């Protein structure tokens, strides 16, 4: 995530990532973290990449006025380190 992001917003998004990892919900978040670590990302980098997917999903929800789309979220996780907006 960009260094210019609001620190409160960044903390909230990182909390989502940490909660998903802790609760193993969805399990693909932990799988993605492990894959990114195996590919050479640091844990911080991997969590930041996952946070980018979380933030992209939030933006899509707000822009489209539709509920959370787990399929879209999981597909974006699978594509990391390619960012959702690339």
Protein backbone atom coordinates (compact mmCIF):
# COMPACT_ATOMS: atom_id res chain seq x y z
CA UNK A 1 0.00 0.00 0.00
CA UNK A 2 1.12 3.51 -0.71
CA UNK A 3 3.06 5.36 1.98
CA UNK A 4 0.65 8.31 1.51
CA UNK A 5 -2.32 6.34 2.84
CA UNK A 6 -4.14 7.62 5.90
CA UNK A 7 -2.53 5.81 8.87
CA UNK A 8 -5.89 5.04 10.49
CA UNK A 9 -7.20 3.55 7.26
CA UNK A 10 -3.98 1.59 6.76
CA UNK A 11 -4.20 0.20 10.31
CA UNK A 12 -7.83 -0.85 9.74
CA UNK A 13 -6.97 -2.65 6.50
CA UNK A 14 -3.97 -4.37 8.08
CA UNK A 15 -6.22 -5.45 10.96
CA UNK A 16 -8.52 -7.11 8.41
CA UNK A 17 -5.52 -8.99 6.97
CA UNK A 18 -4.31 -10.07 10.41
CA UNK A 19 -7.82 -11.17 11.44
CA UNK A 20 -8.20 -13.22 8.27
CA UNK A 21 -4.83 -14.88 8.91
CA UNK A 22 -5.61 -15.52 12.59
CA UNK A 23 -9.08 -16.90 11.89
CA UNK A 24 -8.01 -18.71 8.70
CA UNK A 25 -11.04 -17.18 7.00
CA UNK A 26 -10.92 -17.41 4.12
CA UNK A 27 -8.17 -20.04 4.14
CA UNK A 28 -6.85 -18.74 0.82
CA UNK A 29 -5.39 -15.73 2.64
CA UNK A 30 -2.99 -17.96 4.60
CA UNK A 31 -2.25 -19.99 1.47
CA UNK A 32 -1.47 -16.76 -0.38
CA UNK A 33 0.80 -15.56 2.44
CA UNK A 34 2.71 -18.86 2.41
CA UNK A 35 3.03 -18.77 -1.39
CA UNK A 36 4.33 -15.20 -1.39
CA UNK A 37 6.85 -16.04 1.35
CA UNK A 38 8.05 -19.04 -0.68
CA UNK A 39 8.44 -16.73 -3.70
CA UNK A 40 10.82 -14.50 -1.71
CA UNK A 41 8.58 -11.78 -0.30
CA UNK A 42 9.15 -10.77 3.30
CA UNK A 43 6.20 -11.27 5.65
CA UNK A 44 5.63 -7.51 5.70
CA UNK A 45 5.68 -7.33 1.90
CA UNK A 46 3.32 -10.29 1.60
CA UNK A 47 0.87 -8.82 4.10
CA UNK A 48 1.02 -5.48 2.27
CA UNK A 49 0.19 -7.22 -1.01
CA UNK A 50 -2.78 -8.96 0.60
CA UNK A 51 -3.82 -5.60 2.06
CA UNK A 52 -3.84 -4.19 -1.48
CA UNK A 53 -6.37 -6.83 -2.45
CA UNK A 54 -8.48 -6.03 0.63
CA UNK A 55 -8.42 -2.31 -0.20
CA UNK A 56 -9.26 -2.99 -3.84
CA UNK A 57 -12.25 -5.10 -2.79
CA UNK A 58 -13.44 -2.33 -0.46
CA UNK A 59 -13.18 0.23 -3.27
CA UNK A 60 -15.08 -2.07 -5.64
CA UNK A 61 -17.84 -2.55 -3.04
CA UNK A 62 -18.16 1.20 -2.54
CA UNK A 63 -18.04 2.06 -6.25
CA UNK A 64 -20.49 -0.63 -7.36
CA UNK A 65 -22.78 -0.51 -4.34
CA UNK A 66 -22.80 -4.30 -4.30
CA UNK A 67 -22.00 -6.81 -1.55
CA UNK A 68 -18.60 -8.39 -1.00
CA UNK A 69 -17.68 -10.72 -3.85
CA UNK A 70 -15.62 -13.58 -2.45
CA UNK A 71 -14.89 -15.02 -5.90
CA UNK A 72 -13.42 -11.71 -7.04
CA UNK A 73 -11.41 -11.43 -3.81
CA UNK A 74 -9.98 -14.95 -4.05
CA UNK A 75 -9.12 -14.51 -7.73
CA UNK A 76 -7.20 -11.33 -6.89
CA UNK A 77 -5.30 -13.16 -4.12
CA UNK A 78 -4.29 -15.90 -6.58
CA UNK A 79 -2.85 -13.30 -8.96
CA UNK A 80 -0.55 -11.69 -6.37
CA UNK A 81 2.07 -10.27 -6.60
CA UNK A 82 0.22 -8.75 -9.57
CA UNK A 83 -1.89 -5.99 -8.02
CA UNK A 84 -5.63 -5.88 -8.71
CA UNK A 85 -5.39 -2.54 -10.49
CA UNK A 86 -2.50 -3.57 -12.77
